[in-house]
Structures are given as structure tokens and as C-alpha cells.
PDB file of N, CA and C in Angstrom:
ATOM      1  N   GLU A   1     -52.885 -36.962  -1.181  1.00  0.00           N
ATOM      2  CA  GLU A   1     -51.611 -37.143  -1.890  1.00  0.00           C
ATOM      3  C   GLU A   1     -50.928 -35.783  -2.124  1.00  0.00           C
ATOM      4  N   ARG A   2     -51.690 -34.849  -2.673  1.00  0.00           N
ATOM      5  CA  ARG A   2     -51.113 -33.529  -2.956  1.00  0.00           C
ATOM      6  C   ARG A   2     -50.718 -32.819  -1.663  1.00  0.00           C
ATOM      7  N   LEU A   3     -51.492 -33.070  -0.623  1.00  0.00           N
ATOM      8  CA  LEU A   3     -51.174 -32.463   0.663  1.00  0.00           C
ATOM      9  C   LEU A   3     -49.835 -32.982   1.175  1.00  0.00           C
ATOM     10  N   ARG A   4     -49.612 -34.293   1.052  1.00  0.00           N
ATOM     11  CA  ARG A   4     -48.346 -34.874   1.496  1.00  0.00           C
ATOM     12  C   ARG A   4     -47.182 -34.328   0.673  1.00  0.00           C
ATOM     13  N   GLU A   5     -47.384 -34.160  -0.618  1.00  0.00           N
ATOM     14  CA  GLU A   5     -46.332 -33.591  -1.478  1.00  0.00           C
ATOM     15  C   GLU A   5     -46.019 -32.155  -1.045  1.00  0.00           C
ATOM     16  N   ALA A   6     -47.072 -31.405  -0.782  1.00  0.00           N
ATOM     17  CA  ALA A   6     -46.892 -30.012  -0.358  1.00  0.00           C
ATOM     18  C   ALA A   6     -46.176 -29.958   0.989  1.00  0.00           C
ATOM     19  N   GLU A   7     -46.547 -30.845   1.901  1.00  0.00           N
ATOM     20  CA  GLU A   7     -45.887 -30.889   3.202  1.00  0.00           C
ATOM     21  C   GLU A   7     -44.423 -31.293   3.057  1.00  0.00           C
ATOM     22  N   GLY A   8     -44.160 -32.235   2.142  1.00  0.00           N
ATOM     23  CA  GLY A   8     -42.777 -32.648   1.876  1.00  0.00           C
ATOM     24  C   GLY A   8     -41.957 -31.485   1.336  1.00  0.00           C
ATOM     25  N   LEU A   9     -42.535 -30.748   0.390  1.00  0.00           N
ATOM     26  CA  LEU A   9     -41.852 -29.572  -0.159  1.00  0.00           C
ATOM     27  C   LEU A   9     -41.637 -28.514   0.923  1.00  0.00           C
ATOM     28  N   LEU A  10     -42.646 -28.357   1.766  1.00  0.00           N
ATOM     29  CA  LEU A  10     -42.527 -27.395   2.861  1.00  0.00           C
ATOM     30  C   LEU A  10     -41.383 -27.785   3.789  1.00  0.00           C
ATOM     31  N   ASP A  11     -41.289 -29.068   4.120  1.00  0.00           N
ATOM     32  CA  ASP A  11     -40.199 -29.538   4.982  1.00  0.00           C
ATOM     33  C   ASP A  11     -38.840 -29.247   4.355  1.00  0.00           C
ATOM     34  N   ILE A  12     -38.726 -29.520   3.062  1.00  0.00           N
ATOM     35  CA  ILE A  12     -37.458 -29.269   2.356  1.00  0.00           C
ATOM     36  C   ILE A  12     -37.119 -27.781   2.399  1.00  0.00           C
ATOM     37  N   GLN A  13     -38.107 -26.949   2.113  1.00  0.00           N
ATOM     38  CA  GLN A  13     -37.875 -25.503   2.106  1.00  0.00           C
ATOM     39  C   GLN A  13     -37.549 -24.986   3.510  1.00  0.00           C
ATOM     40  N   MET A  14     -38.195 -25.561   4.512  1.00  0.00           N
ATOM     41  CA  MET A  14     -37.902 -25.154   5.892  1.00  0.00           C
ATOM     42  C   MET A  14     -36.475 -25.545   6.278  1.00  0.00           C
ATOM     43  N   GLN A  15     -36.026 -26.704   5.834  1.00  0.00           N
ATOM     44  CA  GLN A  15     -34.644 -27.120   6.102  1.00  0.00           C
ATOM     45  C   GLN A  15     -33.660 -26.154   5.437  1.00  0.00           C
ATOM     46  N   LYS A  16     -33.968 -25.795   4.190  1.00  0.00           N
ATOM     47  CA  LYS A  16     -33.110 -24.835   3.482  1.00  0.00           C
ATOM     48  C   LYS A  16     -33.101 -23.490   4.211  1.00  0.00           C
ATOM     49  N   LEU A  17     -34.289 -23.072   4.652  1.00  0.00           N
ATOM     50  CA  LEU A  17     -34.396 -21.804   5.372  1.00  0.00           C
ATOM     51  C   LEU A  17     -33.577 -21.843   6.660  1.00  0.00           C
ATOM     52  N   ASN A  18     -33.688 -22.925   7.398  1.00  0.00           N
ATOM     53  CA  ASN A  18     -32.932 -23.050   8.645  1.00  0.00           C
ATOM     54  C   ASN A  18     -31.430 -23.066   8.386  1.00  0.00           C
ATOM     55  N   THR A  19     -31.017 -23.721   7.298  1.00  0.00           N
ATOM     56  CA  THR A  19     -29.602 -23.727   6.927  1.00  0.00           C
ATOM     57  C   THR A  19     -29.134 -22.306   6.628  1.00  0.00           C
ATOM     58  N   LYS A  20     -29.926 -21.578   5.864  1.00  0.00           N
ATOM     59  CA  LYS A  20     -29.574 -20.196   5.519  1.00  0.00           C
ATOM     60  C   LYS A  20     -29.565 -19.305   6.763  1.00  0.00           C
ATOM     61  N   ARG A  21     -30.477 -19.549   7.676  1.00  0.00           N
ATOM     62  CA  ARG A  21     -30.491 -18.768   8.918  1.00  0.00           C
ATOM     63  C   ARG A  21     -29.218 -19.024   9.723  1.00  0.00           C
ATOM     64  N   ALA A  22     -28.799 -20.283   9.760  1.00  0.00           N
ATOM     65  CA  ALA A  22     -27.570 -20.618  10.486  1.00  0.00           C
ATOM     66  C   ALA A  22     -26.361 -19.959   9.820  1.00  0.00           C
ATOM     67  N   GLU A  23     -26.330 -19.972   8.482  1.00  0.00           N
ATOM     68  CA  GLU A  23     -25.240 -19.310   7.755  1.00  0.00           C
ATOM     69  C   GLU A  23     -25.248 -17.809   8.033  1.00  0.00           C
ATOM     70  N   LEU A  24     -26.441 -17.235   8.035  1.00  0.00           N
ATOM     71  CA  LEU A  24     -26.566 -15.801   8.310  1.00  0.00           C
ATOM     72  C   LEU A  24     -26.062 -15.475   9.713  1.00  0.00           C
ATOM     73  N   LYS A  25     -26.427 -16.302  10.690  1.00  0.00           N
ATOM     74  CA  LYS A  25     -25.964 -16.068  12.060  1.00  0.00           C
ATOM     75  C   LYS A  25     -24.447 -16.131  12.128  1.00  0.00           C
ATOM     76  N   THR A  26     -23.849 -17.099  11.448  1.00  0.00           N
ATOM     77  CA  THR A  26     -22.391 -17.210  11.422  1.00  0.00           C
ATOM     78  C   THR A  26     -21.771 -15.945  10.831  1.00  0.00           C
ATOM     79  N   LEU A  27     -22.344 -15.480   9.730  1.00  0.00           N
ATOM     80  CA  LEU A  27     -21.827 -14.268   9.085  1.00  0.00           C
ATOM     81  C   LEU A  27     -22.029 -13.032   9.966  1.00  0.00           C
ATOM     82  N   MET A  28     -23.171 -12.948  10.615  1.00  0.00           N
ATOM     83  CA  MET A  28     -23.435 -11.804  11.492  1.00  0.00           C
ATOM     84  C   MET A  28     -22.476 -11.805  12.686  1.00  0.00           C
ATOM     85  N   ASP A  29     -22.201 -12.984  13.227  1.00  0.00           N
ATOM     86  CA  ASP A  29     -21.241 -13.076  14.331  1.00  0.00           C
ATOM     87  C   ASP A  29     -19.854 -12.641  13.870  1.00  0.00           C
ATOM     88  N   ARG A  30     -19.468 -13.067  12.681  1.00  0.00           N
ATOM     89  CA  ARG A  30     -18.160 -12.692  12.128  1.00  0.00           C
ATOM     90  C   ARG A  30     -18.099 -11.183  11.890  1.00  0.00           C
ATOM     91  N   LEU A  31     -19.180 -10.638  11.356  1.00  0.00           N
ATOM     92  CA  LEU A  31     -19.238  -9.193  11.121  1.00  0.00           C
ATOM     93  C   LEU A  31     -19.109  -8.423  12.436  1.00  0.00           C
ATOM     94  N   GLN A  32     -19.781  -8.897  13.471  1.00  0.00           N
ATOM     95  CA  GLN A  32     -19.694  -8.239  14.776  1.00  0.00           C
ATOM     96  C   GLN A  32     -18.267  -8.289  15.308  1.00  0.00           C
ATOM     97  N   ALA A  33     -17.626  -9.444  15.149  1.00  0.00           N
ATOM     98  CA  ALA A  33     -16.237  -9.573  15.608  1.00  0.00           C
ATOM     99  C   ALA A  33     -15.331  -8.603  14.849  1.00  0.00           C
ATOM    100  N   LEU A  34     -15.542  -8.481  13.542  1.00  0.00           N
ATOM    101  CA  LEU A  34     -14.738  -7.549  12.743  1.00  0.00           C
ATOM    102  C   LEU A  34     -15.014  -6.101  13.145  1.00  0.00           C
ATOM    103  N   ASN A  35     -16.275  -5.779  13.403  1.00  0.00           N
ATOM    104  CA  ASN A  35     -16.611  -4.421  13.845  1.00  0.00           C
ATOM    105  C   ASN A  35     -15.978  -4.110  15.195  1.00  0.00           C
ATOM    106  N   ASP A  36     -15.992  -5.091  16.094  1.00  0.00           N
ATOM    107  CA  ASP A  36     -15.354  -4.896  17.398  1.00  0.00           C
ATOM    108  C   ASP A  36     -13.855  -4.667  17.235  1.00  0.00           C
ATOM    109  N   GLU A  37     -13.236  -5.463  16.374  1.00  0.00           N
ATOM    110  CA  GLU A  37     -11.794  -5.314  16.136  1.00  0.00           C
ATOM    111  C   GLU A  37     -11.491  -3.961  15.495  1.00  0.00           C
ATOM    112  N   PHE A  38     -12.336  -3.546  14.560  1.00  0.00           N
ATOM    113  CA  PHE A  38     -12.166  -2.252  13.899  1.00  0.00           C
ATOM    114  C   PHE A  38     -12.241  -1.111  14.917  1.00  0.00           C
ATOM    115  N   GLU A  39     -13.225  -1.182  15.808  1.00  0.00           N
ATOM    116  CA  GLU A  39     -13.369  -0.145  16.834  1.00  0.00           C
ATOM    117  C   GLU A  39     -12.152  -0.126  17.759  1.00  0.00           C
ATOM    118  N   GLU A  40     -11.681  -1.307  18.130  1.00  0.00           N
ATOM    119  CA  GLU A  40     -10.504  -1.400  18.995  1.00  0.00           C
ATOM    120  C   GLU A  40      -9.273  -0.800  18.308  1.00  0.00           C
ATOM    121  N   MET A  41      -9.099  -1.100  17.035  1.00  0.00           N
ATOM    122  CA  MET A  41      -7.949  -0.572  16.295  1.00  0.00           C
ATOM    123  C   MET A  41      -8.061   0.942  16.110  1.00  0.00           C
ATOM    124  N   ASN A  42      -9.278   1.440  15.906  1.00  0.00           N
ATOM    125  CA  ASN A  42      -9.463   2.892  15.801  1.00  0.00           C
ATOM    126  C   ASN A  42      -9.128   3.583  17.117  1.00  0.00           C
ATOM    127  N   ASN A  43      -9.518   2.957  18.225  1.00  0.00           N
ATOM    128  CA  ASN A  43      -9.173   3.517  19.536  1.00  0.00           C
ATOM    129  C   ASN A  43      -7.661   3.520  19.729  1.00  0.00           C
ATOM    130  N   ARG A  44      -7.010   2.439  19.329  1.00  0.00           N
ATOM    131  CA  ARG A  44      -5.545   2.346  19.445  1.00  0.00           C
ATOM    132  C   ARG A  44      -4.879   3.409  18.572  1.00  0.00           C
ATOM    133  N   LYS A  45      -5.404   3.602  17.367  1.00  0.00           N
ATOM    134  CA  LYS A  45      -4.875   4.629  16.464  1.00  0.00           C
ATOM    135  C   LYS A  45      -4.986   6.011  17.111  1.00  0.00           C
ATOM    136  N   LYS A  46      -6.134   6.294  17.728  1.00  0.00           N
ATOM    137  CA  LYS A  46      -6.338   7.584  18.398  1.00  0.00           C
ATOM    138  C   LYS A  46      -5.335   7.756  19.535  1.00  0.00           C
ATOM    139  N   GLU A  47      -5.117   6.691  20.314  1.00  0.00           N
ATOM    140  CA  GLU A  47      -4.137   6.766  21.401  1.00  0.00           C
ATOM    141  C   GLU A  47      -2.744   7.066  20.853  1.00  0.00           C
ATOM    142  N   LEU A  48      -2.378   6.408  19.764  1.00  0.00           N
ATOM    143  CA  LEU A  48      -1.055   6.632  19.176  1.00  0.00           C
ATOM    144  C   LEU A  48      -0.928   8.049  18.628  1.00  0.00           C
ATOM    145  N   GLU A  49      -1.997   8.543  18.009  1.00  0.00           N
ATOM    146  CA  GLU A  49      -1.968   9.924  17.512  1.00  0.00           C
ATOM    147  C   GLU A  49      -1.818  10.913  18.671  1.00  0.00           C
ATOM    148  N   ASP A  50      -2.504  10.638  19.766  1.00  0.00           N
ATOM    149  CA  ASP A  50      -2.365  11.496  20.951  1.00  0.00           C
ATOM    150  C   ASP A  50      -0.935  11.443  21.487  1.00  0.00           C
ATOM    151  N   ASP A  51      -0.355  10.238  21.524  1.00  0.00           N
ATOM    152  CA  ASP A  51       1.032  10.091  21.977  1.00  0.00           C
ATOM    153  C   ASP A  51       1.994  10.857  21.068  1.00  0.00           C
ATOM    154  N   ILE A  52       1.753  10.798  19.768  1.00  0.00           N
ATOM    155  CA  ILE A  52       2.596  11.532  18.815  1.00  0.00           C
ATOM    156  C   ILE A  52       2.521  13.028  19.104  1.00  0.00           C
ATOM    157  N   GLU A  53       1.314  13.522  19.340  1.00  0.00           N
ATOM    158  CA  GLU A  53       1.136  14.954  19.618  1.00  0.00           C
ATOM    159  C   GLU A  53       1.868  15.348  20.901  1.00  0.00           C
ATOM    160  N   ILE A  54       1.743  14.538  21.934  1.00  0.00           N
ATOM    161  CA  ILE A  54       2.418  14.829  23.205  1.00  0.00           C
ATOM    162  C   ILE A  54       3.931  14.822  23.016  1.00  0.00           C
ATOM    163  N   CYS A  55       4.445  13.817  22.304  1.00  0.00           N
ATOM    164  CA  CYS A  55       5.895  13.736  22.067  1.00  0.00           C
ATOM    165  C   CYS A  55       6.382  14.918  21.238  1.00  0.00           C
ATOM    166  N   SER A  56       5.592  15.336  20.266  1.00  0.00           N
ATOM    167  CA  SER A  56       5.973  16.490  19.447  1.00  0.00           C
ATOM    168  C   SER A  56       6.064  17.748  20.299  1.00  0.00           C
ATOM    169  N   GLN A  57       5.104  17.926  21.185  1.00  0.00           N
ATOM    170  CA  GLN A  57       5.127  19.096  22.068  1.00  0.00           C
ATOM    171  C   GLN A  57       6.335  19.049  23.001  1.00  0.00           C
ATOM    172  N   LYS A  58       6.637  17.870  23.530  1.00  0.00           N
ATOM    173  CA  LYS A  58       7.809  17.727  24.403  1.00  0.00           C
ATOM    174  C   LYS A  58       9.093  18.017  23.631  1.00  0.00           C
ATOM    175  N   LEU A  59       9.164  17.553  22.403  1.00  0.00           N
ATOM    176  CA  LEU A  59      10.347  17.781  21.578  1.00  0.00           C
ATOM    177  C   LEU A  59      10.538  19.272  21.311  1.00  0.00           C
ATOM    178  N   ILE A  60       9.453  19.955  21.011  1.00  0.00           N
ATOM    179  CA  ILE A  60       9.533  21.400  20.770  1.00  0.00           C
ATOM    180  C   ILE A  60      10.021  22.119  22.029  1.00  0.00           C
ATOM    181  N   ARG A  61       9.472  21.747  23.190  1.00  0.00           N
ATOM    182  CA  ARG A  61       9.907  22.375  24.443  1.00  0.00           C
ATOM    183  C   ARG A  61      11.378  22.069  24.725  1.00  0.00           C
ATOM    184  N   ALA A  62      11.790  20.829  24.457  1.00  0.00           N
ATOM    185  CA  ALA A  62      13.188  20.452  24.693  1.00  0.00           C
ATOM    186  C   ALA A  62      14.119  21.230  23.772  1.00  0.00           C
ATOM    187  N   GLU A  63      13.722  21.389  22.510  1.00  0.00           N
ATOM    188  CA  GLU A  63      14.552  22.148  21.568  1.00  0.00           C
ATOM    189  C   GLU A  63      14.671  23.607  22.007  1.00  0.00           C
ATOM    190  N   LYS A  64      13.576  24.175  22.489  1.00  0.00           N
ATOM    191  CA  LYS A  64      13.620  25.561  22.977  1.00  0.00           C
ATOM    192  C   LYS A  64      14.529  25.670  24.197  1.00  0.00           C
ATOM    193  N   LEU A  65      14.431  24.697  25.090  1.00  0.00           N
ATOM    194  CA  LEU A  65      15.264  24.693  26.290  1.00  0.00           C
ATOM    195  C   LEU A  65      16.737  24.566  25.920  1.00  0.00           C
ATOM    196  N   ILE A  66      17.044  23.635  25.028  1.00  0.00           N
ATOM    197  CA  ILE A  66      18.435  23.440  24.593  1.00  0.00           C
ATOM    198  C   ILE A  66      18.947  24.694  23.896  1.00  0.00           C
ATOM    199  N   SER A  67      18.106  25.273  23.069  1.00  0.00           N
ATOM    200  CA  SER A  67      18.490  26.490  22.359  1.00  0.00           C
ATOM    201  C   SER A  67      18.752  27.622  23.355  1.00  0.00           C
ATOM    202  N   GLY A  68      17.902  27.716  24.362  1.00  0.00           N
ATOM    203  CA  GLY A  68      18.087  28.749  25.384  1.00  0.00           C
ATOM    204  C   GLY A  68      19.355  28.528  26.181  1.00  0.00           C
ATOM    205  N   LEU A  69      19.656  27.297  26.526  1.00  0.00           N
ATOM    206  CA  LEU A  69      20.885  27.000  27.263  1.00  0.00           C
ATOM    207  C   LEU A  69      22.112  27.286  26.411  1.00  0.00           C
ATOM    208  N   GLY A  70      22.016  27.004  25.128  1.00  0.00           N
ATOM    209  CA  GLY A  70      23.134  27.288  24.219  1.00  0.00           C
ATOM    210  C   GLY A  70      23.413  28.776  24.152  1.00  0.00           C
ATOM    211  N   GLY A  71      22.379  29.571  24.155  1.00  0.00           N
ATOM    212  CA  GLY A  71      22.545  31.016  24.123  1.00  0.00           C
ATOM    213  C   GLY A  71      23.201  31.532  25.391  1.00  0.00           C
ATOM    214  N   LYS A  72      22.868  30.963  26.546  1.00  0.00           N
ATOM    215  CA  LYS A  72      23.493  31.374  27.808  1.00  0.00           C
ATOM    216  C   LYS A  72      24.969  31.028  27.801  1.00  0.00           C
ATOM    217  N   LYS A  73      25.314  29.866  27.260  1.00  0.00           N
ATOM    218  CA  LYS A  73      26.721  29.453  27.209  1.00  0.00           C
ATOM    219  C   LYS A  73      27.519  30.431  26.357  1.00  0.00           C
ATOM    220  N   GLU A  74      26.947  30.826  25.219  1.00  0.00           N
ATOM    221  CA  GLU A  74      27.645  31.771  24.349  1.00  0.00           C
ATOM    222  C   GLU A  74      27.836  33.110  25.057  1.00  0.00           C
ATOM    223  N   ARG A  75      26.829  33.554  25.786  1.00  0.00           N
ATOM    224  CA  ARG A  75      26.936  34.829  26.490  1.00  0.00           C
ATOM    225  C   ARG A  75      27.999  34.754  27.584  1.00  0.00           C
ATOM    226  N   ARG A  76      28.082  33.613  28.287  1.00  0.00           N
ATOM    227  CA  ARG A  76      29.102  33.463  29.332  1.00  0.00           C
ATOM    228  C   ARG A  76      30.496  33.432  28.709  1.00  0.00           C
ATOM    229  N   THR A  77      30.620  32.761  27.578  1.00  0.00           N
ATOM    230  CA  THR A  77      31.918  32.676  26.912  1.00  0.00           C
ATOM    231  C   THR A  77      32.360  34.063  26.451  1.00  0.00           C
ATOM    232  N   GLU A  78      31.434  34.852  25.938  1.00  0.00           N
ATOM    233  CA  GLU A  78      31.765  36.191  25.463  1.00  0.00           C
ATOM    234  C   GLU A  78      32.143  37.112  26.627  1.00  0.00           C
ATOM    235  N   ALA A  79      31.609  36.857  27.800  1.00  0.00           N
ATOM    236  CA  ALA A  79      31.894  37.706  28.957  1.00  0.00           C
ATOM    237  C   ALA A  79      33.337  37.556  29.405  1.00  0.00           C
ATOM    238  N   TYR A  80      33.975  36.421  29.131  1.00  0.00           N
ATOM    239  CA  TYR A  80      35.359  36.213  29.568  1.00  0.00           C
ATOM    240  C   TYR A  80      36.286  36.718  28.570  1.00  0.00           C
TER     241      TYR A  80
END
């Protein structure tokens, strides 16, 4: 009798354990998906930061070029 009760309790506890394992797997899968998304967004952020740096350098070069051309125009105007 006591053995059957113990086996019944064991079955109940095993069912609870299996339920918790399934919940844990669901949570672990969700966590992995979030980590993957986080890594992807960090990579995208790095790409955008690199693009910003490249655009800033191009802007600086363009401003120097425009400034240099403006100086040549002034010198030509003064020559006449």
C-alpha cells in the first residue's frame, strides 16, 4: 500500500518536473532568440557607427575642397 502511494507521489512529482522542464526549454529558446537579436542589433549599430565615421570624414574632405576652391576664386577675382 505504502509503495503504491509512494509510486503515485513519484508519478505526480515526475509530471511536475517534466512540466517545469518544458517551461524551462521554452524560456531558454526565447532567451536564445533574444540573444541572437541583441547580437544582430549590436552588429547593425557597429555598421551604422562605421558609416557615420566614413560620412564625417567625407564631409570634412568636402569642406576642405570647397574652402580651397573658394580661395582660388577670390585670388582670381583679385587678379583682375
